Amino acid sequence: MGIKINMEKARDIWRNKIRFKRASKFAPLDAAWYKATEVGEDTSDIVAKKQALRDFPSRPEIEAAETIEELREIWDSDLLGDK
């Protein structure tokens, strides 16, 4: 009998890892937003990135993952940085 992975807990751990990594991404985006707002520049890209960070832990792929390997594939290095 092999080791059985509790995927519900694994999904929660993965979501928490995502939340931890995204936390450091908000401050630079906030600063960029304030600078852009001060000079009247378009902030839509900044707002979209912030929303993508907020939405990432709720991605349906996380809930659908049936293995640890599938969870590991659910990562956006451009958005979150390295794992």
N, C-alpha and C. Protein backbone atom coordinates (compact mmCIF):
# COMPACT_ATOMS: atom_id res chain seq x y z
N MET A 1 0.84 -1.17 0.00
CA MET A 1 0.00 0.00 0.00
C MET A 1 0.89 1.24 0.00
N GLY A 2 0.66 2.15 -0.95
CA GLY A 2 1.46 3.35 -1.10
C GLY A 2 0.97 4.49 -0.23
N ILE A 3 1.67 5.56 -0.33
CA ILE A 3 1.30 6.76 0.40
C ILE A 3 0.14 7.44 -0.31
N LYS A 4 -0.86 7.80 0.45
CA LYS A 4 -2.02 8.49 -0.12
C LYS A 4 -1.90 9.98 0.19
N ILE A 5 -2.00 10.80 -0.83
CA ILE A 5 -1.91 12.24 -0.69
C ILE A 5 -3.30 12.81 -0.46
N ASN A 6 -3.44 13.65 0.54
CA ASN A 6 -4.69 14.36 0.77
C ASN A 6 -4.68 15.57 -0.16
N MET A 7 -5.36 15.45 -1.28
CA MET A 7 -5.32 16.50 -2.30
C MET A 7 -6.00 17.78 -1.84
N GLU A 8 -6.98 17.69 -0.97
CA GLU A 8 -7.62 18.91 -0.47
C GLU A 8 -6.61 19.75 0.31
N LYS A 9 -5.84 19.09 1.16
CA LYS A 9 -4.79 19.81 1.90
C LYS A 9 -3.69 20.29 0.96
N ALA A 10 -3.35 19.48 -0.02
CA ALA A 10 -2.32 19.87 -0.98
C ALA A 10 -2.75 21.11 -1.76
N ARG A 11 -4.01 21.17 -2.15
CA ARG A 11 -4.53 22.36 -2.85
C ARG A 11 -4.46 23.59 -1.96
N ASP A 12 -4.82 23.42 -0.69
CA ASP A 12 -4.75 24.54 0.25
C ASP A 12 -3.31 25.02 0.43
N ILE A 13 -2.39 24.10 0.54
CA ILE A 13 -0.97 24.45 0.66
C ILE A 13 -0.51 25.20 -0.58
N TRP A 14 -0.92 24.73 -1.76
CA TRP A 14 -0.53 25.39 -3.01
C TRP A 14 -1.10 26.80 -3.09
N ARG A 15 -2.36 26.94 -2.71
CA ARG A 15 -2.97 28.29 -2.69
C ARG A 15 -2.22 29.21 -1.74
N ASN A 16 -1.83 28.70 -0.58
CA ASN A 16 -1.07 29.52 0.37
C ASN A 16 0.30 29.89 -0.18
N LYS A 17 0.92 28.98 -0.90
CA LYS A 17 2.21 29.29 -1.53
C LYS A 17 2.03 30.42 -2.55
N ILE A 18 0.97 30.34 -3.32
CA ILE A 18 0.67 31.39 -4.30
C ILE A 18 0.44 32.72 -3.58
N ARG A 19 -0.34 32.68 -2.52
CA ARG A 19 -0.61 33.92 -1.77
C ARG A 19 0.67 34.52 -1.20
N PHE A 20 1.56 33.67 -0.70
CA PHE A 20 2.82 34.15 -0.16
C PHE A 20 3.67 34.81 -1.25
N LYS A 21 3.76 34.18 -2.40
CA LYS A 21 4.57 34.72 -3.50
C LYS A 21 3.98 36.00 -4.07
N ARG A 22 2.66 36.08 -4.14
CA ARG A 22 2.05 37.26 -4.73
C ARG A 22 2.13 38.47 -3.81
N ALA A 23 2.25 38.25 -2.50
CA ALA A 23 2.25 39.36 -1.54
C ALA A 23 3.33 40.38 -1.86
N SER A 24 4.49 39.92 -2.26
CA SER A 24 5.60 40.83 -2.56
C SER A 24 5.42 41.54 -3.90
N LYS A 25 4.47 41.12 -4.67
CA LYS A 25 4.25 41.72 -5.99
C LYS A 25 3.34 42.95 -5.94
N PHE A 26 2.54 43.08 -4.88
CA PHE A 26 1.59 44.18 -4.80
C PHE A 26 2.24 45.53 -4.57
N ALA A 27 3.22 45.62 -3.69
CA ALA A 27 3.82 46.92 -3.35
C ALA A 27 4.42 47.62 -4.58
N PRO A 28 5.22 46.93 -5.40
CA PRO A 28 5.73 47.61 -6.59
C PRO A 28 4.63 48.03 -7.57
N LEU A 29 3.58 47.22 -7.67
CA LEU A 29 2.46 47.58 -8.55
C LEU A 29 1.70 48.78 -7.98
N ASP A 30 1.54 48.81 -6.68
CA ASP A 30 0.89 49.97 -6.06
C ASP A 30 1.69 51.24 -6.32
N ALA A 31 3.00 51.16 -6.16
CA ALA A 31 3.86 52.33 -6.40
C ALA A 31 3.75 52.78 -7.85
N ALA A 32 3.77 51.82 -8.77
CA ALA A 32 3.65 52.16 -10.19
C ALA A 32 2.30 52.79 -10.49
N TRP A 33 1.25 52.29 -9.84
CA TRP A 33 -0.09 52.84 -10.04
C TRP A 33 -0.15 54.29 -9.56
N TYR A 34 0.41 54.55 -8.37
CA TYR A 34 0.40 55.92 -7.84
C TYR A 34 1.17 56.87 -8.75
N LYS A 35 2.33 56.44 -9.23
CA LYS A 35 3.13 57.29 -10.13
C LYS A 35 2.37 57.57 -11.42
N ALA A 36 1.77 56.53 -11.99
CA ALA A 36 1.03 56.69 -13.24
C ALA A 36 -0.18 57.60 -13.04
N THR A 37 -0.85 57.45 -11.92
CA THR A 37 -2.02 58.29 -11.63
C THR A 37 -1.62 59.76 -11.48
N GLU A 38 -0.50 59.99 -10.82
CA GLU A 38 -0.05 61.37 -10.60
C GLU A 38 0.20 62.12 -11.91
N VAL A 39 0.69 61.42 -12.90
CA VAL A 39 1.01 62.09 -14.17
C VAL A 39 -0.05 61.84 -15.25
N GLY A 40 -1.14 61.20 -14.87
CA GLY A 40 -2.25 61.00 -15.80
C GLY A 40 -2.03 59.91 -16.83
N GLU A 41 -1.14 58.97 -16.55
CA GLU A 41 -0.91 57.86 -17.49
C GLU A 41 -1.98 56.79 -17.32
N ASP A 42 -2.07 55.93 -18.32
CA ASP A 42 -3.00 54.81 -18.30
C ASP A 42 -2.55 53.79 -17.25
N THR A 43 -3.46 53.39 -16.39
CA THR A 43 -3.14 52.42 -15.33
C THR A 43 -3.77 51.06 -15.58
N SER A 44 -4.38 50.85 -16.74
CA SER A 44 -5.13 49.61 -16.98
C SER A 44 -4.26 48.36 -16.91
N ASP A 45 -3.01 48.43 -17.38
CA ASP A 45 -2.12 47.26 -17.29
C ASP A 45 -1.80 46.92 -15.83
N ILE A 46 -1.55 47.94 -15.04
CA ILE A 46 -1.25 47.74 -13.62
C ILE A 46 -2.45 47.14 -12.90
N VAL A 47 -3.62 47.69 -13.17
CA VAL A 47 -4.85 47.20 -12.55
C VAL A 47 -5.10 45.75 -12.96
N ALA A 48 -4.86 45.42 -14.21
CA ALA A 48 -5.07 44.05 -14.69
C ALA A 48 -4.11 43.07 -14.01
N LYS A 49 -2.85 43.47 -13.83
CA LYS A 49 -1.88 42.60 -13.15
C LYS A 49 -2.28 42.37 -11.70
N LYS A 50 -2.71 43.44 -11.02
CA LYS A 50 -3.15 43.29 -9.64
C LYS A 50 -4.35 42.37 -9.54
N GLN A 51 -5.29 42.49 -10.47
CA GLN A 51 -6.47 41.62 -10.45
C GLN A 51 -6.08 40.18 -10.74
N ALA A 52 -5.15 39.98 -11.65
CA ALA A 52 -4.68 38.62 -11.95
C ALA A 52 -4.05 37.99 -10.71
N LEU A 53 -3.29 38.78 -9.96
CA LEU A 53 -2.70 38.28 -8.72
C LEU A 53 -3.77 37.91 -7.70
N ARG A 54 -4.79 38.75 -7.60
CA ARG A 54 -5.89 38.47 -6.66
C ARG A 54 -6.64 37.19 -7.05
N ASP A 55 -6.84 37.01 -8.36
CA ASP A 55 -7.63 35.88 -8.84
C ASP A 55 -6.88 34.55 -8.88
N PHE A 56 -5.57 34.60 -8.88
CA PHE A 56 -4.78 33.39 -9.13
C PHE A 56 -5.10 32.23 -8.16
N PRO A 57 -5.22 32.47 -6.84
CA PRO A 57 -5.51 31.33 -5.96
C PRO A 57 -6.88 30.69 -6.20
N SER A 58 -7.75 31.35 -6.91
CA SER A 58 -9.10 30.83 -7.17
C SER A 58 -9.22 30.14 -8.52
N ARG A 59 -8.10 29.96 -9.20
CA ARG A 59 -8.18 29.33 -10.52
C ARG A 59 -8.80 27.95 -10.44
N PRO A 60 -9.70 27.63 -11.36
CA PRO A 60 -10.36 26.33 -11.32
C PRO A 60 -9.41 25.15 -11.51
N GLU A 61 -8.28 25.39 -12.15
CA GLU A 61 -7.30 24.32 -12.35
C GLU A 61 -6.77 23.78 -11.03
N ILE A 62 -6.71 24.64 -10.02
CA ILE A 62 -6.22 24.20 -8.71
C ILE A 62 -7.21 23.20 -8.12
N GLU A 63 -8.47 23.53 -8.16
CA GLU A 63 -9.50 22.62 -7.62
C GLU A 63 -9.57 21.33 -8.43
N ALA A 64 -9.32 21.40 -9.72
CA ALA A 64 -9.41 20.23 -10.59
C ALA A 64 -8.18 19.33 -10.51
N ALA A 65 -7.08 19.83 -9.97
CA ALA A 65 -5.84 19.04 -9.92
C ALA A 65 -6.06 17.77 -9.10
N GLU A 66 -5.62 16.66 -9.66
CA GLU A 66 -5.77 15.37 -8.98
C GLU A 66 -4.46 14.81 -8.48
N THR A 67 -3.35 15.45 -8.86
CA THR A 67 -2.03 14.99 -8.40
C THR A 67 -1.18 16.20 -8.03
N ILE A 68 -0.14 15.94 -7.28
CA ILE A 68 0.82 16.99 -6.92
C ILE A 68 1.48 17.55 -8.18
N GLU A 69 1.77 16.71 -9.13
CA GLU A 69 2.40 17.15 -10.37
C GLU A 69 1.51 18.14 -11.12
N GLU A 70 0.21 17.87 -11.13
CA GLU A 70 -0.73 18.79 -11.77
C GLU A 70 -0.73 20.13 -11.05
N LEU A 71 -0.67 20.11 -9.73
CA LEU A 71 -0.61 21.36 -8.97
C LEU A 71 0.65 22.15 -9.33
N ARG A 72 1.77 21.48 -9.43
CA ARG A 72 3.03 22.15 -9.73
C ARG A 72 3.01 22.84 -11.09
N GLU A 73 2.21 22.33 -11.99
CA GLU A 73 2.10 22.92 -13.32
C GLU A 73 1.29 24.22 -13.30
N ILE A 74 0.52 24.42 -12.24
CA ILE A 74 -0.34 25.61 -12.15
C ILE A 74 0.48 26.73 -11.50
N TRP A 75 1.28 27.37 -12.29
CA TRP A 75 2.15 28.44 -11.82
C TRP A 75 2.41 29.36 -12.99
N ASP A 76 2.36 30.62 -12.75
CA ASP A 76 2.66 31.61 -13.78
C ASP A 76 3.91 32.37 -13.36
N SER A 77 5.05 31.96 -13.89
CA SER A 77 6.33 32.56 -13.51
C SER A 77 6.39 34.04 -13.88
N ASP A 78 5.74 34.43 -14.96
CA ASP A 78 5.71 35.85 -15.34
C ASP A 78 4.98 36.68 -14.30
N LEU A 79 3.93 36.13 -13.74
CA LEU A 79 3.12 36.84 -12.77
C LEU A 79 3.67 36.70 -11.35
N LEU A 80 4.05 35.48 -10.97
CA LEU A 80 4.43 35.20 -9.59
C LEU A 80 5.93 35.11 -9.35
N GLY A 81 6.70 34.97 -10.41
CA GLY A 81 8.13 34.74 -10.24
C GLY A 81 8.41 33.25 -10.10
N ASP A 82 9.61 32.93 -9.64
CA ASP A 82 10.01 31.53 -9.49
C ASP A 82 9.22 30.86 -8.37
N LYS A 83 9.08 29.54 -8.51
CA LYS A 83 8.35 28.76 -7.48
C LYS A 83 9.07 28.81 -6.20
